[in-house]
Protein backbone atom coordinates (compact mmCIF):
# COMPACT_ATOMS: atom_id res chain seq x y z
CA THR A 1 -34.12 -76.91 -112.82
CA VAL A 2 -34.55 -73.35 -111.77
CA ILE A 3 -35.30 -71.54 -114.74
CA ALA A 4 -36.41 -67.80 -113.07
CA ILE A 5 -36.05 -65.83 -110.10
CA GLU A 6 -39.41 -63.59 -109.84
CA TYR A 7 -40.72 -61.17 -107.67
CA ASP A 8 -44.14 -62.08 -105.99
CA PRO A 9 -46.03 -58.83 -104.94
CA MET A 10 -47.86 -61.43 -102.17
CA ARG A 11 -45.08 -62.22 -100.25
CA SER A 12 -41.82 -60.90 -98.87
CA SER A 13 -39.57 -63.77 -100.20
CA ARG A 14 -38.93 -64.61 -103.94
CA ILE A 15 -40.14 -67.22 -105.75
CA ALA A 16 -38.26 -69.48 -108.14
CA LEU A 17 -40.14 -70.84 -111.63
CA VAL A 18 -38.87 -74.58 -111.44
CA GLU A 19 -39.12 -76.85 -114.69
CA TYR A 20 -39.45 -80.68 -113.85
CA LYS A 21 -37.88 -83.49 -116.20
CA ASP A 22 -41.53 -84.03 -117.52
CA ASN A 23 -41.80 -80.34 -118.43
CA GLU A 24 -44.07 -79.35 -115.86
CA LYS A 25 -43.26 -75.78 -114.48
CA ARG A 26 -44.38 -74.56 -110.75
CA TYR A 27 -43.30 -72.01 -108.73
CA ILE A 28 -42.02 -72.75 -105.40
CA ILE A 29 -40.35 -70.35 -102.53
CA ALA A 30 -36.62 -69.16 -103.46
CA ALA A 31 -34.53 -70.58 -100.96
CA LYS A 32 -31.03 -68.56 -99.96
CA GLY A 33 -28.61 -68.93 -102.58
CA MET A 34 -30.67 -70.32 -105.37
CA GLU A 35 -30.03 -69.21 -108.75
CA VAL A 36 -31.26 -69.68 -112.29
CA GLY A 37 -29.57 -73.10 -113.64
CA HIS A 38 -29.54 -74.85 -110.06
CA LYS A 39 -30.97 -78.37 -110.18
CA ILE A 40 -33.08 -79.14 -107.08
CA HIS A 41 -34.68 -82.37 -106.32
CA SER A 42 -37.77 -83.46 -104.76
CA GLY A 43 -38.36 -87.12 -102.99
CA PRO A 44 -37.55 -89.27 -100.06
CA ASP A 45 -34.44 -90.20 -101.44
CA ALA A 46 -33.20 -86.65 -102.29
CA GLU A 47 -30.05 -85.34 -100.61
CA PRO A 48 -30.77 -82.76 -97.81
CA GLU A 49 -29.24 -79.79 -99.54
CA SER A 50 -30.81 -76.11 -99.86
CA GLY A 51 -33.50 -75.94 -102.35
CA ASN A 52 -34.56 -79.81 -102.16
CA ALA A 53 -37.55 -80.92 -100.54
CA LEU A 54 -38.02 -84.37 -98.56
CA PRO A 55 -40.06 -85.70 -95.68
CA LEU A 56 -38.74 -84.19 -91.94
CA ALA A 57 -38.19 -87.99 -91.35
CA LYS A 58 -35.06 -87.92 -93.91
CA ILE A 59 -33.60 -84.59 -92.63
CA PRO A 60 -30.31 -84.96 -89.98
CA ALA A 61 -30.82 -83.05 -86.75
CA GLY A 62 -29.46 -79.67 -86.85
CA THR A 63 -30.82 -79.05 -90.62
CA ALA A 64 -32.44 -75.25 -91.14
CA VAL A 65 -35.54 -76.15 -93.07
CA HIS A 66 -38.68 -73.85 -94.39
CA ASN A 67 -41.99 -74.14 -96.06
CA VAL A 68 -42.94 -76.81 -93.51
CA GLU A 69 -46.07 -78.90 -94.03
CA LEU A 70 -48.18 -79.50 -90.80
CA THR A 71 -50.51 -81.80 -92.38
CA GLN A 72 -49.33 -84.31 -94.85
CA GLY A 73 -50.14 -83.61 -98.30
CA LYS A 74 -51.63 -80.19 -97.32
CA GLY A 75 -48.60 -78.28 -98.66
CA GLY A 76 -46.05 -76.13 -96.83
CA GLN A 77 -47.80 -73.67 -94.18
CA ILE A 78 -45.30 -72.46 -91.93
CA VAL A 79 -41.89 -70.95 -92.06
CA ARG A 80 -42.28 -69.10 -95.65
CA ALA A 81 -41.20 -65.50 -94.67
CA ALA A 82 -38.11 -63.99 -96.19
CA GLY A 83 -35.18 -64.84 -94.23
CA SER A 84 -36.70 -67.24 -91.90
CA SER A 85 -36.20 -70.72 -90.97
CA ALA A 86 -36.94 -73.60 -88.53
CA THR A 87 -34.33 -76.09 -86.88
CA VAL A 88 -34.74 -80.04 -86.86
CA MET A 89 -34.02 -80.88 -83.41
CA ALA A 90 -34.82 -84.34 -83.42
CA SER A 91 -37.19 -87.14 -85.04
CA ASP A 92 -38.26 -90.74 -84.63
CA LYS A 93 -40.74 -93.06 -87.14
CA ASP A 94 -43.60 -91.07 -86.00
CA TYR A 95 -42.72 -87.17 -84.95
CA ALA A 96 -40.29 -84.87 -85.48
CA GLN A 97 -39.45 -81.67 -83.30
CA ILE A 98 -38.55 -78.68 -84.79
CA LYS A 99 -37.86 -75.09 -83.09
CA LEU A 100 -39.66 -72.56 -84.84
CA PRO A 101 -38.58 -68.78 -85.54
CA SER A 102 -40.56 -67.54 -82.48
CA GLY A 103 -38.79 -69.91 -80.29
CA GLU A 104 -41.52 -72.37 -79.93
CA ILE A 105 -40.59 -75.75 -79.95
CA ARG A 106 -43.12 -78.41 -81.53
CA ARG A 107 -43.84 -81.67 -82.75
CA VAL A 108 -44.84 -82.72 -86.37
CA LYS A 109 -45.60 -85.56 -88.20
CA ALA A 110 -42.73 -87.11 -89.24
CA ASN A 111 -43.94 -87.86 -92.87
CA CYS A 112 -44.77 -84.10 -93.18
CA TRP A 113 -42.34 -82.36 -95.67
CA ALA A 114 -40.27 -79.60 -95.79
CA THR A 115 -37.49 -77.87 -98.15
CA VAL A 116 -34.03 -77.36 -96.77
CA GLY A 117 -32.53 -74.40 -96.13
CA VAL A 118 -33.43 -70.89 -95.36
CA VAL A 119 -35.88 -68.59 -97.12
CA GLY A 120 -34.00 -66.03 -99.46
CA ASN A 121 -34.24 -62.30 -99.83
CA ALA A 122 -33.11 -61.90 -96.03
CA ASP A 123 -32.56 -58.29 -96.71
CA HIS A 124 -36.25 -57.51 -97.01
CA GLU A 125 -36.30 -56.35 -92.95
CA LYS A 126 -34.32 -53.33 -93.65
CA GLN A 127 -36.32 -51.96 -96.15
CA VAL A 128 -37.30 -48.50 -95.23
CA ILE A 129 -40.50 -47.33 -96.00
CA GLY A 130 -39.78 -43.67 -95.58
CA LYS A 131 -42.81 -42.03 -95.13
CA ALA A 132 -46.62 -42.69 -93.90
CA GLY A 133 -47.49 -42.27 -97.64
CA ASN A 134 -45.97 -45.45 -98.66
CA THR A 135 -47.70 -47.61 -96.13
CA ARG A 136 -50.92 -46.12 -97.26
CA HIS A 137 -50.31 -47.17 -100.64
CA ARG A 138 -49.85 -50.65 -99.08
CA GLY A 139 -53.54 -50.55 -98.06
CA ARG A 140 -52.60 -49.78 -94.49
CA ARG A 141 -54.12 -46.28 -92.96
CA GLY A 142 -53.16 -44.87 -89.66
CA ILE A 143 -55.04 -45.76 -86.23
CA THR A 144 -56.50 -43.17 -83.80
CA ARG A 145 -55.16 -44.13 -80.39
CA ALA A 146 -57.72 -45.36 -77.75
CA VAL A 147 -56.98 -42.41 -75.16
CA ALA A 148 -57.34 -39.85 -77.83
CA LYS A 149 -61.04 -41.06 -78.56
CA ASN A 150 -64.41 -39.93 -76.65
CA PRO A 151 -65.57 -42.18 -74.08
CA HIS A 152 -68.37 -43.59 -76.24
CA ASP A 153 -66.10 -44.72 -78.76
CA HIS A 154 -63.77 -46.59 -76.28
CA PRO A 155 -63.64 -47.42 -72.86
CA MET A 156 -60.09 -45.55 -72.67
CA GLY A 157 -61.74 -42.54 -74.16
CA GLY A 158 -62.46 -39.39 -72.50
CA GLY A 159 -60.92 -36.93 -69.86
CA GLU A 160 -60.91 -33.22 -69.59
CA ALA A 161 -56.93 -33.07 -69.97
CA LYS A 162 -54.37 -35.55 -71.76
CA THR A 163 -54.47 -38.84 -69.41
CA SER A 164 -53.18 -42.38 -69.94
CA GLY A 165 -56.40 -43.91 -69.62
CA GLY A 166 -56.69 -44.35 -65.93
CA GLY A 167 -56.79 -48.19 -65.95
CA HIS A 168 -55.73 -51.25 -67.28
CA PRO A 169 -55.38 -51.18 -71.05
CA VAL A 170 -58.40 -52.56 -73.02
CA THR A 171 -59.82 -53.37 -76.56
CA PRO A 172 -62.70 -51.17 -77.65
CA TRP A 173 -64.71 -54.33 -76.13
CA GLY A 174 -63.16 -54.05 -72.78
CA VAL A 175 -61.22 -57.21 -73.04
CA ILE A 176 -57.70 -56.90 -71.18
CA THR A 177 -54.71 -56.12 -73.92
CA LYS A 178 -51.94 -57.25 -71.71
CA GLY A 179 -51.17 -60.33 -69.84
CA TYR A 180 -54.48 -61.67 -70.69
CA LYS A 181 -54.07 -64.93 -72.42
CA THR A 182 -56.44 -65.78 -75.30
CA ARG A 183 -55.10 -68.92 -76.34
CA SER A 184 -57.79 -71.68 -75.61
CA LYS A 185 -56.78 -74.59 -73.15
CA LYS A 186 -58.75 -76.99 -75.29
CA LYS A 187 -56.81 -76.40 -78.55
CA TYR A 188 -56.31 -79.33 -80.74
CA SER A 189 -52.78 -78.38 -81.19
CA ASN A 190 -51.75 -78.04 -77.74
CA LYS A 191 -50.36 -81.13 -77.49
CA PHE A 192 -47.92 -80.97 -80.28
CA ILE A 193 -46.14 -77.70 -78.59
CA LEU A 194 -43.45 -79.09 -76.26
CA VAL A 195 -42.14 -75.31 -75.52
CA ARG A 196 -44.03 -72.27 -75.94
CA ARG A 197 -42.41 -69.36 -77.71
CA ASP A 198 -41.80 -67.52 -74.49
CA GLY A 199 -39.67 -70.25 -73.47
CA ARG A 200 -41.62 -71.95 -71.11
CA PRO A 201 -42.73 -75.61 -71.22
CA MET A 202 -46.37 -76.27 -72.36
CA LYS A 203 -48.51 -77.12 -69.49
CA ARG A 204 -50.44 -80.40 -69.62
CA LYS A 205 -53.73 -81.44 -68.02
């Protein structure tokens, strides 16, 4: 039973305080439409309704889910931000295919758990910060443009007049920043990605 919906300064979504039948209390990410007094269930036999948690193998194709595990028993790792959701595309006895908010389609072990529904507080993205000071109060400071620096401080710095750098955009260490692939071709999780977030199929060796 949901006994409270609370604000959490460490995330964009709201959190729900849940009391279980054994009187144990835990926090979960609040799904869209979740209110105080709602009954939610967690288990392989739970109904695929908003707020319920169950293995991906038990969730029908086309269902929106969030707080998805990537490793069984580790807890939800992805799709946790306010207003976000993934879609279960298909599943078999070993793997389930899910489409992530980025557009990436990947395989996840079918025995990994997920929560049904969309993460609540979708209006978070409409928040207007209003002024630079409010961002500074959140611990973020302004960043000086590279072309405005001295050549001693950045490869794109220097020049007696206003210039756009004169070369390809690079990091302070000279690594190309636009169009340069940084993902390792040997990364362990590559084999689980079917379609990249830009819509291209993942290349196999």
